[in-house]
Amino acid sequence: MASIRIIKKDIDFLVSEVISDCWAFIYIHQDKKADKAVEIMNNAVELRNELFSRINNVDKTDVKKHFKAINQDLLKGVDALFVSISNLTK
C-alpha cells in the first residue's frame, strides 16, 4: 500500500492539472463558457476536499479496501472532469 503522503500528492497533482487545463481554456477562449470552466474548477476543488476528508477519516476495519476505493474515485472523478473540459470546446 502506498503511503498517505503519496496518495495526497497524487490527488493534488491530478486536481491541479484539471485546474490548469481550465485556466488554459479560459485564456484561449476568452468570453466563451468561462463560467462553465470555473464551475469545473470548483468541482475539482470539491473532489479534492472530499477525498482528503476520506483519507483523514479512515475506517479502521478494512484499510486496504478504503484506500483502493479512494484511488478509484480519484481516477473516475478526474476523468469525468477532463471529459467536461473536452466538452466545453465543442
C-alpha atoms as a PDB file:
ATOM      1  CA  MET A   1       0.000   0.000   0.000  1.00  0.00           C
ATOM      2  CA  ALA A   2       1.270   3.437  -0.882  1.00  0.00           C
ATOM      3  CA  SER A   3       1.755   5.943   1.864  1.00  0.00           C
ATOM      4  CA  ILE A   4      -0.886   8.508   2.650  1.00  0.00           C
ATOM      5  CA  ARG A   5       1.534  11.267   1.689  1.00  0.00           C
ATOM      6  CA  ILE A   6       1.934   9.830  -1.823  1.00  0.00           C
ATOM      7  CA  ILE A   7      -1.822   9.461  -2.267  1.00  0.00           C
ATOM      8  CA  LYS A   8      -2.339  13.086  -1.216  1.00  0.00           C
ATOM      9  CA  LYS A   9       0.361  14.208  -3.658  1.00  0.00           C
ATOM     10  CA  ASP A  10      -1.352  12.261  -6.458  1.00  0.00           C
ATOM     11  CA  ILE A  11      -4.672  13.910  -5.645  1.00  0.00           C
ATOM     12  CA  ASP A  12      -3.096  17.370  -5.595  1.00  0.00           C
ATOM     13  CA  PHE A  13      -1.275  16.749  -8.871  1.00  0.00           C
ATOM     14  CA  LEU A  14      -4.316  15.485 -10.781  1.00  0.00           C
ATOM     15  CA  VAL A  15      -6.623  18.184  -9.468  1.00  0.00           C
ATOM     16  CA  SER A  16      -4.047  20.863 -10.285  1.00  0.00           C
ATOM     17  CA  GLU A  17      -3.863  19.509 -13.844  1.00  0.00           C
ATOM     18  CA  VAL A  18      -7.627  19.881 -14.190  1.00  0.00           C
ATOM     19  CA  ILE A  19      -7.478  23.427 -12.861  1.00  0.00           C
ATOM     20  CA  SER A  20      -4.545  24.243 -15.138  1.00  0.00           C
ATOM     21  CA  ASP A  21      -6.459  22.998 -18.171  1.00  0.00           C
ATOM     22  CA  CYS A  22      -9.454  25.118 -17.165  1.00  0.00           C
ATOM     23  CA  TRP A  23      -7.259  28.206 -16.887  1.00  0.00           C
ATOM     24  CA  ALA A  24      -5.777  27.462 -20.302  1.00  0.00           C
ATOM     25  CA  PHE A  25      -9.285  27.111 -21.742  1.00  0.00           C
ATOM     26  CA  ILE A  26     -10.328  30.444 -20.248  1.00  0.00           C
ATOM     27  CA  TYR A  27      -7.174  32.129 -21.558  1.00  0.00           C
ATOM     28  CA  ILE A  28      -7.600  30.764 -25.084  1.00  0.00           C
ATOM     29  CA  HIS A  29     -11.384  31.115 -25.329  1.00  0.00           C
ATOM     30  CA  GLN A  30     -11.995  34.430 -23.639  1.00  0.00           C
ATOM     31  CA  ASP A  31     -15.651  35.329 -23.044  1.00  0.00           C
ATOM     32  CA  LYS A  32     -16.821  31.877 -24.122  1.00  0.00           C
ATOM     33  CA  LYS A  33     -18.104  29.495 -21.470  1.00  0.00           C
ATOM     34  CA  ALA A  34     -15.769  30.886 -18.810  1.00  0.00           C
ATOM     35  CA  ASP A  35     -18.418  30.382 -16.147  1.00  0.00           C
ATOM     36  CA  LYS A  36     -18.633  26.680 -17.013  1.00  0.00           C
ATOM     37  CA  ALA A  37     -14.852  26.353 -16.772  1.00  0.00           C
ATOM     38  CA  VAL A  38     -14.951  27.996 -13.344  1.00  0.00           C
ATOM     39  CA  GLU A  39     -17.684  25.548 -12.339  1.00  0.00           C
ATOM     40  CA  ILE A  40     -15.418  22.649 -13.387  1.00  0.00           C
ATOM     41  CA  MET A  41     -12.613  24.126 -11.274  1.00  0.00           C
ATOM     42  CA  ASN A  42     -14.958  24.346  -8.296  1.00  0.00           C
ATOM     43  CA  ASN A  43     -15.970  20.711  -8.826  1.00  0.00           C
ATOM     44  CA  ALA A  44     -12.285  19.748  -8.895  1.00  0.00           C
ATOM     45  CA  VAL A  45     -11.667  21.500  -5.585  1.00  0.00           C
ATOM     46  CA  GLU A  46     -14.734  19.820  -4.077  1.00  0.00           C
ATOM     47  CA  LEU A  47     -13.432  16.432  -5.264  1.00  0.00           C
ATOM     48  CA  ARG A  48     -10.038  17.157  -3.687  1.00  0.00           C
ATOM     49  CA  ASN A  49     -11.588  18.212  -0.386  1.00  0.00           C
ATOM     50  CA  GLU A  50     -13.866  15.175  -0.287  1.00  0.00           C
ATOM     51  CA  LEU A  51     -11.000  12.759  -0.992  1.00  0.00           C
ATOM     52  CA  PHE A  52      -8.772  14.419   1.618  1.00  0.00           C
ATOM     53  CA  SER A  53     -11.578  14.157   4.137  1.00  0.00           C
ATOM     54  CA  ARG A  54     -11.946  10.462   3.376  1.00  0.00           C
ATOM     55  CA  ILE A  55      -8.190   9.945   3.726  1.00  0.00           C
ATOM     56  CA  ASN A  56      -8.086  11.735   7.075  1.00  0.00           C
ATOM     57  CA  ASN A  57     -11.068   9.762   8.425  1.00  0.00           C
ATOM     58  CA  VAL A  58     -10.004   6.187   7.735  1.00  0.00           C
ATOM     59  CA  ASP A  59     -12.300   3.301   8.556  1.00  0.00           C
ATOM     60  CA  LYS A  60     -10.043   1.032  10.598  1.00  0.00           C
ATOM     61  CA  THR A  61     -11.871  -2.202   9.714  1.00  0.00           C
ATOM     62  CA  ASP A  62     -10.535  -2.590   6.164  1.00  0.00           C
ATOM     63  CA  VAL A  63      -7.870  -0.025   5.376  1.00  0.00           C
ATOM     64  CA  LYS A  64      -6.756  -1.536   2.070  1.00  0.00           C
ATOM     65  CA  LYS A  65     -10.266  -1.548   0.666  1.00  0.00           C
ATOM     66  CA  HIS A  66     -10.808   2.013   1.877  1.00  0.00           C
ATOM     67  CA  PHE A  67      -7.750   3.390   0.070  1.00  0.00           C
ATOM     68  CA  LYS A  68      -8.436   1.352  -3.045  1.00  0.00           C
ATOM     69  CA  ALA A  69     -11.888   2.934  -3.215  1.00  0.00           C
ATOM     70  CA  ILE A  70     -10.336   6.385  -2.783  1.00  0.00           C
ATOM     71  CA  ASN A  71      -7.923   5.750  -5.671  1.00  0.00           C
ATOM     72  CA  GLN A  72     -10.738   4.522  -7.911  1.00  0.00           C
ATOM     73  CA  ASP A  73     -12.910   7.517  -7.045  1.00  0.00           C
ATOM     74  CA  LEU A  74      -9.989   9.829  -7.763  1.00  0.00           C
ATOM     75  CA  LEU A  75      -9.435   8.386 -11.215  1.00  0.00           C
ATOM     76  CA  LYS A  76     -13.146   8.348 -12.075  1.00  0.00           C
ATOM     77  CA  GLY A  77     -13.659  11.882 -10.800  1.00  0.00           C
ATOM     78  CA  VAL A  78     -10.669  13.364 -12.595  1.00  0.00           C
ATOM     79  CA  ASP A  79     -11.594  11.541 -15.799  1.00  0.00           C
ATOM     80  CA  ALA A  80     -15.116  12.981 -15.629  1.00  0.00           C
ATOM     81  CA  LEU A  81     -13.679  16.467 -15.102  1.00  0.00           C
ATOM     82  CA  PHE A  82     -11.370  16.125 -18.101  1.00  0.00           C
ATOM     83  CA  VAL A  83     -14.316  14.945 -20.208  1.00  0.00           C
ATOM     84  CA  SER A  84     -16.236  18.035 -19.075  1.00  0.00           C
ATOM     85  CA  ILE A  85     -13.354  20.256 -20.185  1.00  0.00           C
ATOM     86  CA  SER A  86     -13.247  18.475 -23.545  1.00  0.00           C
ATOM     87  CA  ASN A  87     -16.978  19.001 -23.988  1.00  0.00           C
ATOM     88  CA  LEU A  88     -16.537  22.748 -23.493  1.00  0.00           C
ATOM     89  CA  THR A  89     -14.531  23.013 -26.700  1.00  0.00           C
ATOM     90  CA  LYS A  90     -17.333  21.550 -28.811  1.00  0.00           C
END
